[in-house]
N, C-alpha and C. Protein backbone atom coordinates (compact mmCIF):
# COMPACT_ATOMS: atom_id res chain seq x y z
N MET A 1 -54.38 -72.59 -1.76
CA MET A 1 -54.89 -73.94 -1.59
C MET A 1 -54.69 -74.37 -0.14
N PRO A 2 -55.70 -74.96 0.46
CA PRO A 2 -55.57 -75.40 1.84
C PRO A 2 -54.50 -76.49 1.98
N ASP A 3 -53.72 -76.43 3.05
CA ASP A 3 -52.68 -77.43 3.29
C ASP A 3 -53.25 -78.79 3.66
N LYS A 4 -54.41 -78.80 4.32
CA LYS A 4 -55.00 -80.04 4.80
C LYS A 4 -56.16 -80.52 3.93
N GLY A 5 -56.42 -79.85 2.83
CA GLY A 5 -57.56 -80.22 2.00
C GLY A 5 -58.78 -79.43 2.40
N PHE A 6 -59.95 -79.99 2.10
CA PHE A 6 -61.20 -79.34 2.48
C PHE A 6 -62.26 -80.40 2.71
N ARG A 7 -63.36 -79.99 3.32
CA ARG A 7 -64.44 -80.90 3.64
C ARG A 7 -65.66 -80.54 2.78
N VAL A 8 -66.29 -81.57 2.23
CA VAL A 8 -67.48 -81.38 1.40
C VAL A 8 -68.63 -82.15 2.04
N THR A 9 -69.76 -81.48 2.22
CA THR A 9 -70.97 -82.13 2.72
C THR A 9 -72.04 -82.03 1.65
N VAL A 10 -72.65 -83.15 1.34
CA VAL A 10 -73.72 -83.20 0.34
C VAL A 10 -74.97 -83.72 1.03
N GLU A 11 -76.10 -83.04 0.79
CA GLU A 11 -77.37 -83.44 1.40
C GLU A 11 -78.39 -83.71 0.31
N ASP A 12 -79.06 -84.84 0.41
CA ASP A 12 -80.16 -85.18 -0.49
C ASP A 12 -81.37 -84.36 -0.03
N LEU A 13 -81.84 -83.47 -0.86
CA LEU A 13 -82.92 -82.57 -0.47
C LEU A 13 -84.26 -83.28 -0.32
N ASP A 14 -84.40 -84.47 -0.94
CA ASP A 14 -85.64 -85.23 -0.79
C ASP A 14 -85.68 -86.00 0.52
N THR A 15 -84.56 -86.63 0.90
CA THR A 15 -84.55 -87.50 2.07
C THR A 15 -83.92 -86.86 3.31
N GLY A 16 -83.12 -85.81 3.10
CA GLY A 16 -82.40 -85.19 4.21
C GLY A 16 -81.12 -85.92 4.57
N GLU A 17 -80.85 -87.03 3.91
CA GLU A 17 -79.63 -87.79 4.16
C GLU A 17 -78.42 -86.96 3.73
N ALA A 18 -77.39 -86.94 4.57
CA ALA A 18 -76.20 -86.15 4.27
C ALA A 18 -74.96 -87.01 4.45
N GLU A 19 -73.93 -86.68 3.69
CA GLU A 19 -72.65 -87.37 3.79
C GLU A 19 -71.54 -86.33 3.69
N THR A 20 -70.52 -86.48 4.52
CA THR A 20 -69.40 -85.55 4.53
C THR A 20 -68.12 -86.33 4.25
N ARG A 21 -67.28 -85.76 3.40
CA ARG A 21 -65.99 -86.36 3.08
C ARG A 21 -64.92 -85.27 3.11
N THR A 22 -63.71 -85.67 3.48
CA THR A 22 -62.57 -84.78 3.42
C THR A 22 -61.83 -85.06 2.12
N VAL A 23 -61.47 -83.99 1.41
CA VAL A 23 -60.78 -84.11 0.13
C VAL A 23 -59.34 -83.65 0.33
N ALA A 24 -58.42 -84.49 -0.01
CA ALA A 24 -57.00 -84.20 0.19
C ALA A 24 -56.48 -83.23 -0.87
N PRO A 25 -55.44 -82.46 -0.54
CA PRO A 25 -54.82 -81.58 -1.53
C PRO A 25 -54.43 -82.38 -2.78
N GLY A 26 -54.70 -81.84 -3.94
CA GLY A 26 -54.38 -82.49 -5.20
C GLY A 26 -55.46 -83.42 -5.71
N ASP A 27 -56.53 -83.61 -4.94
CA ASP A 27 -57.62 -84.47 -5.38
C ASP A 27 -58.79 -83.60 -5.83
N PHE A 28 -59.88 -84.22 -6.25
CA PHE A 28 -61.04 -83.44 -6.70
C PHE A 28 -62.32 -84.17 -6.34
N VAL A 29 -63.44 -83.46 -6.46
CA VAL A 29 -64.76 -84.02 -6.20
C VAL A 29 -65.63 -83.76 -7.41
N LEU A 30 -66.35 -84.76 -7.85
CA LEU A 30 -67.31 -84.62 -8.94
C LEU A 30 -68.63 -85.17 -8.41
N ILE A 31 -69.67 -84.34 -8.43
CA ILE A 31 -70.97 -84.76 -7.91
C ILE A 31 -72.03 -84.51 -8.99
N PRO A 32 -72.15 -85.42 -9.94
CA PRO A 32 -73.19 -85.25 -10.95
C PRO A 32 -74.55 -85.69 -10.40
N LEU A 33 -75.61 -85.08 -10.88
CA LEU A 33 -76.96 -85.44 -10.46
C LEU A 33 -77.72 -85.89 -11.69
N GLU A 34 -78.39 -87.03 -11.59
CA GLU A 34 -79.12 -87.59 -12.74
C GLU A 34 -79.98 -86.52 -13.40
N PRO A 35 -80.03 -86.51 -14.71
CA PRO A 35 -79.51 -87.49 -15.65
C PRO A 35 -78.03 -87.29 -16.00
N CYS A 36 -77.40 -86.24 -15.51
CA CYS A 36 -75.98 -86.01 -15.78
C CYS A 36 -75.17 -87.16 -15.16
N HIS A 37 -74.20 -87.68 -15.91
CA HIS A 37 -73.39 -88.78 -15.37
C HIS A 37 -72.00 -88.78 -15.99
N LEU A 38 -71.07 -89.38 -15.29
CA LEU A 38 -69.70 -89.54 -15.76
C LEU A 38 -69.70 -90.65 -16.80
N SER A 39 -69.28 -90.30 -18.02
CA SER A 39 -69.30 -91.26 -19.11
C SER A 39 -67.95 -91.95 -19.29
N SER A 40 -66.86 -91.18 -19.15
CA SER A 40 -65.54 -91.78 -19.31
C SER A 40 -64.49 -90.95 -18.60
N VAL A 41 -63.36 -91.61 -18.33
CA VAL A 41 -62.22 -90.97 -17.69
C VAL A 41 -60.98 -91.31 -18.50
N SER A 42 -60.20 -90.30 -18.85
CA SER A 42 -58.91 -90.50 -19.52
C SER A 42 -57.83 -89.95 -18.61
N ARG A 43 -56.83 -90.77 -18.33
CA ARG A 43 -55.73 -90.37 -17.46
C ARG A 43 -54.44 -90.29 -18.27
N TYR A 44 -53.70 -89.21 -18.07
CA TYR A 44 -52.42 -89.00 -18.73
C TYR A 44 -51.37 -88.91 -17.63
N GLU A 45 -50.76 -90.05 -17.34
CA GLU A 45 -49.86 -90.18 -16.19
C GLU A 45 -48.68 -89.21 -16.24
N LYS A 46 -48.07 -89.02 -17.39
CA LYS A 46 -46.88 -88.15 -17.48
C LYS A 46 -47.16 -86.72 -17.06
N SER A 47 -48.31 -86.20 -17.47
CA SER A 47 -48.63 -84.80 -17.17
C SER A 47 -49.49 -84.66 -15.91
N GLY A 48 -50.04 -85.77 -15.41
CA GLY A 48 -50.93 -85.71 -14.25
C GLY A 48 -52.31 -85.18 -14.60
N THR A 49 -52.64 -85.19 -15.89
CA THR A 49 -53.92 -84.67 -16.36
C THR A 49 -54.98 -85.77 -16.33
N VAL A 50 -56.18 -85.40 -15.90
CA VAL A 50 -57.33 -86.31 -15.94
C VAL A 50 -58.43 -85.60 -16.72
N GLN A 51 -58.97 -86.29 -17.73
CA GLN A 51 -60.06 -85.72 -18.53
C GLN A 51 -61.33 -86.50 -18.22
N LEU A 52 -62.35 -85.78 -17.73
CA LEU A 52 -63.63 -86.39 -17.39
C LEU A 52 -64.65 -86.01 -18.45
N THR A 53 -65.40 -86.99 -18.93
CA THR A 53 -66.45 -86.71 -19.91
C THR A 53 -67.80 -86.93 -19.24
N LEU A 54 -68.61 -85.86 -19.20
CA LEU A 54 -69.95 -85.92 -18.63
C LEU A 54 -70.96 -85.98 -19.76
N LYS A 55 -72.02 -86.73 -19.56
CA LYS A 55 -73.11 -86.78 -20.55
C LYS A 55 -74.41 -86.37 -19.89
N ASP A 56 -75.31 -85.87 -20.71
CA ASP A 56 -76.65 -85.43 -20.29
C ASP A 56 -76.60 -84.26 -19.31
N HIS A 57 -75.60 -83.40 -19.48
CA HIS A 57 -75.51 -82.19 -18.64
C HIS A 57 -76.56 -81.20 -19.12
N ARG A 58 -77.40 -80.76 -18.21
CA ARG A 58 -78.46 -79.81 -18.53
C ARG A 58 -78.38 -78.67 -17.52
N PRO A 59 -77.60 -77.64 -17.84
CA PRO A 59 -77.41 -76.54 -16.88
C PRO A 59 -78.73 -75.91 -16.46
N GLN A 60 -78.82 -75.59 -15.20
CA GLN A 60 -79.99 -74.92 -14.64
C GLN A 60 -79.62 -73.47 -14.35
N PRO A 61 -80.61 -72.61 -14.18
CA PRO A 61 -80.30 -71.22 -13.81
C PRO A 61 -79.47 -71.20 -12.53
N LYS A 62 -78.52 -70.29 -12.46
CA LYS A 62 -77.64 -70.19 -11.30
C LYS A 62 -78.44 -69.88 -10.04
N GLN A 63 -78.11 -70.62 -8.97
CA GLN A 63 -78.77 -70.41 -7.69
C GLN A 63 -77.73 -69.92 -6.69
N GLU A 64 -78.21 -69.15 -5.72
CA GLU A 64 -77.32 -68.64 -4.68
C GLU A 64 -76.84 -69.78 -3.80
N ALA A 65 -75.57 -69.73 -3.43
CA ALA A 65 -75.02 -70.72 -2.50
C ALA A 65 -75.53 -70.41 -1.10
N THR A 66 -75.73 -71.47 -0.33
CA THR A 66 -76.16 -71.28 1.05
C THR A 66 -75.06 -71.79 1.97
N ARG A 67 -74.96 -71.20 3.14
CA ARG A 67 -73.98 -71.63 4.12
C ARG A 67 -74.73 -72.12 5.36
N GLY A 68 -74.28 -73.28 5.85
CA GLY A 68 -74.96 -73.90 6.99
C GLY A 68 -74.41 -73.50 8.31
């Protein structure tokens, strides 16, 4: 695991608009794309567990990752 976290860049393929964020160690990123959406979040403080419920997930055929 990186000591300083990692950087995530997301680009809207329709508009070309991009946004970059740094993610700290121990955190996470969730990027659902409509119609998929975050429906609920359950947090269990004692164990540090977070349960995310996604709805309308429609998996697409796997695509190759690209590097910029």
